[in-house]
Amino acid sequence: MAVYECFFFSDGMIQYWENIAVRSGDHLVAALRKRLFEGEWTFAEAWLGEALVCRVDRSMRAYRHYAA
């Protein structure tokens, strides 16, 4: 299980962050989407170390995985 540092943005600024532990990339996207739609943020990013792993955008209901 990996632990990702996740940032939630509004107006281009980090408004909230938390560490999220998940088993796979699909679980990571699901966790980010759930938190996005429960909160007031516009997008979220998940990082593993110095690498951006995933970005989820609320307005487009889209996500993008990055090579980790």
PDB file of N, CA and C in Angstrom:
ATOM      1  N   MET A   1       0.850  -1.170   0.000  1.00  0.00           N
ATOM      2  CA  MET A   1       0.000   0.000   0.000  1.00  0.00           C
ATOM      3  C   MET A   1       0.897   1.234   0.000  1.00  0.00           C
ATOM      4  N   ALA A   2       0.588   2.144  -0.890  1.00  0.00           N
ATOM      5  CA  ALA A   2       1.365   3.382  -1.003  1.00  0.00           C
ATOM      6  C   ALA A   2       0.632   4.519  -0.295  1.00  0.00           C
ATOM      7  N   VAL A   3       1.397   5.464   0.221  1.00  0.00           N
ATOM      8  CA  VAL A   3       0.833   6.655   0.866  1.00  0.00           C
ATOM      9  C   VAL A   3       1.167   7.858  -0.014  1.00  0.00           C
ATOM     10  N   TYR A   4       0.133   8.534  -0.480  1.00  0.00           N
ATOM     11  CA  TYR A   4       0.270   9.679  -1.378  1.00  0.00           C
ATOM     12  C   TYR A   4      -0.010  10.960  -0.609  1.00  0.00           C
ATOM     13  N   GLU A   5       0.750  11.999  -0.915  1.00  0.00           N
ATOM     14  CA  GLU A   5       0.489  13.324  -0.374  1.00  0.00           C
ATOM     15  C   GLU A   5      -0.469  14.002  -1.348  1.00  0.00           C
ATOM     16  N   CYS A   6      -1.655  14.355  -0.879  1.00  0.00           N
ATOM     17  CA  CYS A   6      -2.707  14.861  -1.756  1.00  0.00           C
ATOM     18  C   CYS A   6      -3.049  16.307  -1.411  1.00  0.00           C
ATOM     19  N   PHE A   7      -3.134  17.117  -2.452  1.00  0.00           N
ATOM     20  CA  PHE A   7      -3.409  18.544  -2.311  1.00  0.00           C
ATOM     21  C   PHE A   7      -4.717  18.870  -3.012  1.00  0.00           C
ATOM     22  N   PHE A   8      -5.535  19.696  -2.379  1.00  0.00           N
ATOM     23  CA  PHE A   8      -6.828  20.085  -2.914  1.00  0.00           C
ATOM     24  C   PHE A   8      -6.814  21.597  -3.126  1.00  0.00           C
ATOM     25  N   PHE A   9      -7.133  22.027  -4.349  1.00  0.00           N
ATOM     26  CA  PHE A   9      -6.972  23.415  -4.772  1.00  0.00           C
ATOM     27  C   PHE A   9      -8.307  24.111  -5.030  1.00  0.00           C
ATOM     28  N   SER A  10      -8.346  25.397  -4.714  1.00  0.00           N
ATOM     29  CA  SER A  10      -9.404  26.324  -5.114  1.00  0.00           C
ATOM     30  C   SER A  10      -8.726  27.638  -5.442  1.00  0.00           C
ATOM     31  N   ASP A  11      -9.188  28.281  -6.493  1.00  0.00           N
ATOM     32  CA  ASP A  11      -8.619  29.563  -6.918  1.00  0.00           C
ATOM     33  C   ASP A  11      -7.109  29.476  -7.114  1.00  0.00           C
ATOM     34  N   GLY A  12      -6.626  28.322  -7.581  1.00  0.00           N
ATOM     35  CA  GLY A  12      -5.219  28.150  -7.886  1.00  0.00           C
ATOM     36  C   GLY A  12      -4.314  27.995  -6.677  1.00  0.00           C
ATOM     37  N   MET A  13      -4.905  27.876  -5.478  1.00  0.00           N
ATOM     38  CA  MET A  13      -4.108  27.757  -4.258  1.00  0.00           C
ATOM     39  C   MET A  13      -4.491  26.489  -3.495  1.00  0.00           C
ATOM     40  N   ILE A  14      -3.518  25.914  -2.801  1.00  0.00           N
ATOM     41  CA  ILE A  14      -3.794  24.757  -1.962  1.00  0.00           C
ATOM     42  C   ILE A  14      -4.658  25.212  -0.792  1.00  0.00           C
ATOM     43  N   GLN A  15      -5.819  24.579  -0.653  1.00  0.00           N
ATOM     44  CA  GLN A  15      -6.731  24.911   0.439  1.00  0.00           C
ATOM     45  C   GLN A  15      -6.741  23.837   1.524  1.00  0.00           C
ATOM     46  N   TYR A  16      -6.313  22.623   1.149  1.00  0.00           N
ATOM     47  CA  TYR A  16      -6.343  21.497   2.082  1.00  0.00           C
ATOM     48  C   TYR A  16      -5.369  20.460   1.573  1.00  0.00           C
ATOM     49  N   TRP A  17      -4.792  19.663   2.491  1.00  0.00           N
ATOM     50  CA  TRP A  17      -3.950  18.550   2.080  1.00  0.00           C
ATOM     51  C   TRP A  17      -4.086  17.437   3.105  1.00  0.00           C
ATOM     52  N   GLU A  18      -3.859  16.217   2.634  1.00  0.00           N
ATOM     53  CA  GLU A  18      -3.840  15.067   3.527  1.00  0.00           C
ATOM     54  C   GLU A  18      -3.075  13.933   2.866  1.00  0.00           C
ATOM     55  N   ASN A  19      -2.590  13.025   3.682  1.00  0.00           N
ATOM     56  CA  ASN A  19      -1.956  11.815   3.185  1.00  0.00           C
ATOM     57  C   ASN A  19      -3.032  10.753   3.024  1.00  0.00           C
ATOM     58  N   ILE A  20      -3.042  10.093   1.851  1.00  0.00           N
ATOM     59  CA  ILE A  20      -4.033   9.063   1.571  1.00  0.00           C
ATOM     60  C   ILE A  20      -3.297   7.770   1.234  1.00  0.00           C
ATOM     61  N   ALA A  21      -3.619   6.700   1.946  1.00  0.00           N
ATOM     62  CA  ALA A  21      -3.032   5.385   1.700  1.00  0.00           C
ATOM     63  C   ALA A  21      -4.026   4.546   0.899  1.00  0.00           C
ATOM     64  N   VAL A  22      -3.593   4.052  -0.260  1.00  0.00           N
ATOM     65  CA  VAL A  22      -4.442   3.227  -1.116  1.00  0.00           C
ATOM     66  C   VAL A  22      -3.629   2.089  -1.721  1.00  0.00           C
ATOM     67  N   ARG A  23      -4.336   1.090  -2.256  1.00  0.00           N
ATOM     68  CA  ARG A  23      -3.688  -0.089  -2.828  1.00  0.00           C
ATOM     69  C   ARG A  23      -3.338   0.057  -4.304  1.00  0.00           C
ATOM     70  N   SER A  24      -4.079   0.916  -5.028  1.00  0.00           N
ATOM     71  CA  SER A  24      -3.845   1.023  -6.473  1.00  0.00           C
ATOM     72  C   SER A  24      -4.207   2.409  -6.982  1.00  0.00           C
ATOM     73  N   GLY A  25      -3.848   2.660  -8.247  1.00  0.00           N
ATOM     74  CA  GLY A  25      -4.179   3.933  -8.884  1.00  0.00           C
ATOM     75  C   GLY A  25      -5.668   4.167  -8.991  1.00  0.00           C
ATOM     76  N   ASP A  26      -6.433   3.109  -9.250  1.00  0.00           N
ATOM     77  CA  ASP A  26      -7.891   3.251  -9.334  1.00  0.00           C
ATOM     78  C   ASP A  26      -8.477   3.669  -7.989  1.00  0.00           C
ATOM     79  N   HIS A  27      -7.969   3.097  -6.911  1.00  0.00           N
ATOM     80  CA  HIS A  27      -8.434   3.482  -5.582  1.00  0.00           C
ATOM     81  C   HIS A  27      -8.052   4.927  -5.266  1.00  0.00           C
ATOM     82  N   LEU A  28      -6.897   5.346  -5.739  1.00  0.00           N
ATOM     83  CA  LEU A  28      -6.453   6.724  -5.530  1.00  0.00           C
ATOM     84  C   LEU A  28      -7.396   7.696  -6.217  1.00  0.00           C
ATOM     85  N   VAL A  29      -7.715   7.448  -7.473  1.00  0.00           N
ATOM     86  CA  VAL A  29      -8.634   8.318  -8.214  1.00  0.00           C
ATOM     87  C   VAL A  29      -9.994   8.361  -7.527  1.00  0.00           C
ATOM     88  N   ALA A  30     -10.490   7.212  -7.097  1.00  0.00           N
ATOM     89  CA  ALA A  30     -11.790   7.159  -6.417  1.00  0.00           C
ATOM     90  C   ALA A  30     -11.760   7.975  -5.121  1.00  0.00           C
ATOM     91  N   ALA A  31     -10.683   7.865  -4.365  1.00  0.00           N
ATOM     92  CA  ALA A  31     -10.567   8.614  -3.111  1.00  0.00           C
ATOM     93  C   ALA A  31     -10.523  10.119  -3.373  1.00  0.00           C
ATOM     94  N   LEU A  32      -9.772  10.533  -4.383  1.00  0.00           N
ATOM     95  CA  LEU A  32      -9.696  11.958  -4.717  1.00  0.00           C
ATOM     96  C   LEU A  32     -11.043  12.481  -5.194  1.00  0.00           C
ATOM     97  N   ARG A  33     -11.714  11.737  -6.062  1.00  0.00           N
ATOM     98  CA  ARG A  33     -13.028  12.164  -6.559  1.00  0.00           C
ATOM     99  C   ARG A  33     -14.016  12.309  -5.417  1.00  0.00           C
ATOM    100  N   LYS A  34     -14.046  11.336  -4.515  1.00  0.00           N
ATOM    101  CA  LYS A  34     -14.968  11.384  -3.381  1.00  0.00           C
ATOM    102  C   LYS A  34     -14.736  12.645  -2.559  1.00  0.00           C
ATOM    103  N   ARG A  35     -13.491  12.923  -2.240  1.00  0.00           N
ATOM    104  CA  ARG A  35     -13.190  14.109  -1.437  1.00  0.00           C
ATOM    105  C   ARG A  35     -13.493  15.404  -2.194  1.00  0.00           C
ATOM    106  N   LEU A  36     -13.222  15.430  -3.502  1.00  0.00           N
ATOM    107  CA  LEU A  36     -13.520  16.626  -4.301  1.00  0.00           C
ATOM    108  C   LEU A  36     -15.001  16.961  -4.269  1.00  0.00           C
ATOM    109  N   PHE A  37     -15.835  15.947  -4.452  1.00  0.00           N
ATOM    110  CA  PHE A  37     -17.266  16.208  -4.535  1.00  0.00           C
ATOM    111  C   PHE A  37     -17.913  16.403  -3.172  1.00  0.00           C
ATOM    112  N   GLU A  38     -17.195  16.065  -2.101  1.00  0.00           N
ATOM    113  CA  GLU A  38     -17.682  16.364  -0.754  1.00  0.00           C
ATOM    114  C   GLU A  38     -17.261  17.765  -0.319  1.00  0.00           C
ATOM    115  N   GLY A  39     -16.225  18.302  -0.938  1.00  0.00           N
ATOM    116  CA  GLY A  39     -15.693  19.613  -0.565  1.00  0.00           C
ATOM    117  C   GLY A  39     -16.010  20.675  -1.589  1.00  0.00           C
ATOM    118  N   GLU A  40     -15.311  21.786  -1.480  1.00  0.00           N
ATOM    119  CA  GLU A  40     -15.538  22.937  -2.353  1.00  0.00           C
ATOM    120  C   GLU A  40     -14.361  23.181  -3.297  1.00  0.00           C
ATOM    121  N   TRP A  41     -13.481  22.208  -3.459  1.00  0.00           N
ATOM    122  CA  TRP A  41     -12.274  22.395  -4.246  1.00  0.00           C
ATOM    123  C   TRP A  41     -12.541  22.186  -5.730  1.00  0.00           C
ATOM    124  N   THR A  42     -11.650  22.728  -6.579  1.00  0.00           N
ATOM    125  CA  THR A  42     -11.819  22.593  -8.029  1.00  0.00           C
ATOM    126  C   THR A  42     -10.989  21.459  -8.622  1.00  0.00           C
ATOM    127  N   PHE A  43      -9.836  21.163  -8.039  1.00  0.00           N
ATOM    128  CA  PHE A  43      -9.068  20.007  -8.483  1.00  0.00           C
ATOM    129  C   PHE A  43      -8.150  19.525  -7.374  1.00  0.00           C
ATOM    130  N   ALA A  44      -7.646  18.310  -7.574  1.00  0.00           N
ATOM    131  CA  ALA A  44      -6.759  17.699  -6.576  1.00  0.00           C
ATOM    132  C   ALA A  44      -5.585  17.050  -7.284  1.00  0.00           C
ATOM    133  N   GLU A  45      -4.449  16.996  -6.597  1.00  0.00           N
ATOM    134  CA  GLU A  45      -3.251  16.326  -7.093  1.00  0.00           C
ATOM    135  C   GLU A  45      -2.767  15.336  -6.046  1.00  0.00           C
ATOM    136  N   ALA A  46      -2.234  14.219  -6.522  1.00  0.00           N
ATOM    137  CA  ALA A  46      -1.607  13.235  -5.635  1.00  0.00           C
ATOM    138  C   ALA A  46      -0.144  13.108  -6.023  1.00  0.00           C
ATOM    139  N   TRP A  47       0.713  13.157  -5.027  1.00  0.00           N
ATOM    140  CA  TRP A  47       2.157  13.075  -5.235  1.00  0.00           C
ATOM    141  C   TRP A  47       2.719  11.896  -4.459  1.00  0.00           C
ATOM    142  N   LEU A  48       3.708  11.250  -5.033  1.00  0.00           N
ATOM    143  CA  LEU A  48       4.452  10.186  -4.363  1.00  0.00           C
ATOM    144  C   LEU A  48       5.904  10.618  -4.405  1.00  0.00           C
ATOM    145  N   GLY A  49       6.398  11.075  -3.275  1.00  0.00           N
ATOM    146  CA  GLY A  49       7.738  11.652  -3.250  1.00  0.00           C
ATOM    147  C   GLY A  49       7.738  12.945  -4.048  1.00  0.00           C
ATOM    148  N   GLU A  50       8.646  13.030  -4.994  1.00  0.00           N
ATOM    149  CA  GLU A  50       8.763  14.230  -5.836  1.00  0.00           C
ATOM    150  C   GLU A  50       7.990  14.114  -7.152  1.00  0.00           C
ATOM    151  N   ALA A  51       7.234  13.020  -7.338  1.00  0.00           N
ATOM    152  CA  ALA A  51       6.552  12.767  -8.611  1.00  0.00           C
ATOM    153  C   ALA A  51       5.049  12.996  -8.514  1.00  0.00           C
ATOM    154  N   LEU A  52       4.518  13.793  -9.446  1.00  0.00           N
ATOM    155  CA  LEU A  52       3.080  13.962  -9.576  1.00  0.00           C
ATOM    156  C   LEU A  52       2.526  12.680 -10.183  1.00  0.00           C
ATOM    157  N   VAL A  53       1.583  12.050  -9.488  1.00  0.00           N
ATOM    158  CA  VAL A  53       1.051  10.757  -9.915  1.00  0.00           C
ATOM    159  C   VAL A  53      -0.299  10.913 -10.604  1.00  0.00           C
ATOM    160  N   CYS A  54      -1.143  11.808 -10.097  1.00  0.00           N
ATOM    161  CA  CYS A  54      -2.504  11.910 -10.602  1.00  0.00           C
ATOM    162  C   CYS A  54      -3.047  13.298 -10.328  1.00  0.00           C
ATOM    163  N   ARG A  55      -3.863  13.784 -11.269  1.00  0.00           N
ATOM    164  CA  ARG A  55      -4.601  15.037 -11.068  1.00  0.00           C
ATOM    165  C   ARG A  55      -6.058  14.766 -11.431  1.00  0.00           C
ATOM    166  N   VAL A  56      -6.968  15.171 -10.560  1.00  0.00           N
ATOM    167  CA  VAL A  56      -8.401  14.995 -10.791  1.00  0.00           C
ATOM    168  C   VAL A  56      -9.034  16.374 -10.810  1.00  0.00           C
ATOM    169  N   ASP A  57      -9.798  16.660 -11.879  1.00  0.00           N
ATOM    170  CA  ASP A  57     -10.437  17.965 -12.059  1.00  0.00           C
ATOM    171  C   ASP A  57     -11.940  17.829 -11.849  1.00  0.00           C
ATOM    172  N   ARG A  58     -12.479  18.588 -10.934  1.00  0.00           N
ATOM    173  CA  ARG A  58     -13.909  18.513 -10.615  1.00  0.00           C
ATOM    174  C   ARG A  58     -14.792  18.968 -11.774  1.00  0.00           C
ATOM    175  N   SER A  59     -14.439  20.054 -12.431  1.00  0.00           N
ATOM    176  CA  SER A  59     -15.305  20.631 -13.459  1.00  0.00           C
ATOM    177  C   SER A  59     -15.441  19.739 -14.686  1.00  0.00           C
ATOM    178  N   MET A  60     -14.390  19.026 -15.020  1.00  0.00           N
ATOM    179  CA  MET A  60     -14.432  18.174 -16.211  1.00  0.00           C
ATOM    180  C   MET A  60     -14.746  16.724 -15.857  1.00  0.00           C
ATOM    181  N   ARG A  61     -14.804  16.424 -14.563  1.00  0.00           N
ATOM    182  CA  ARG A  61     -14.997  15.048 -14.113  1.00  0.00           C
ATOM    183  C   ARG A  61     -13.986  14.129 -14.783  1.00  0.00           C
ATOM    184  N   ALA A  62     -12.777  14.646 -14.899  1.00  0.00           N
ATOM    185  CA  ALA A  62     -11.712  13.922 -15.591  1.00  0.00           C
ATOM    186  C   ALA A  62     -10.523  13.748 -14.662  1.00  0.00           C
ATOM    187  N   TYR A  63      -9.686  12.812 -15.042  1.00  0.00           N
ATOM    188  CA  TYR A  63      -8.450  12.639 -14.300  1.00  0.00           C
ATOM    189  C   TYR A  63      -7.335  12.281 -15.264  1.00  0.00           C
ATOM    190  N   ARG A  64      -6.116  12.465 -14.797  1.00  0.00           N
ATOM    191  CA  ARG A  64      -4.954  12.135 -15.613  1.00  0.00           C
ATOM    192  C   ARG A  64      -3.901  11.500 -14.715  1.00  0.00           C
ATOM    193  N   HIS A  65      -3.412  10.361 -15.152  1.00  0.00           N
ATOM    194  CA  HIS A  65      -2.320   9.702 -14.427  1.00  0.00           C
ATOM    195  C   HIS A  65      -1.007  10.134 -15.047  1.00  0.00           C
ATOM    196  N   TYR A  66      -0.014  10.279 -14.229  1.00  0.00           N
ATOM    197  CA  TYR A  66       1.336  10.608 -14.662  1.00  0.00           C
ATOM    198  C   TYR A  66       2.232   9.445 -14.327  1.00  0.00           C
ATOM    199  N   ALA A  67       3.294   9.288 -15.069  1.00  0.00           N
ATOM    200  CA  ALA A  67       4.256   8.222 -14.768  1.00  0.00           C
ATOM    201  C   ALA A  67       4.879   8.498 -13.403  1.00  0.00           C
ATOM    202  N   ALA A  68       4.916   7.458 -12.601  1.00  0.00           N
ATOM    203  CA  ALA A  68       5.489   7.624 -11.254  1.00  0.00           C
ATOM    204  C   ALA A  68       6.886   7.045 -11.213  1.00  0.00           C
TER     205      ALA A  68
END
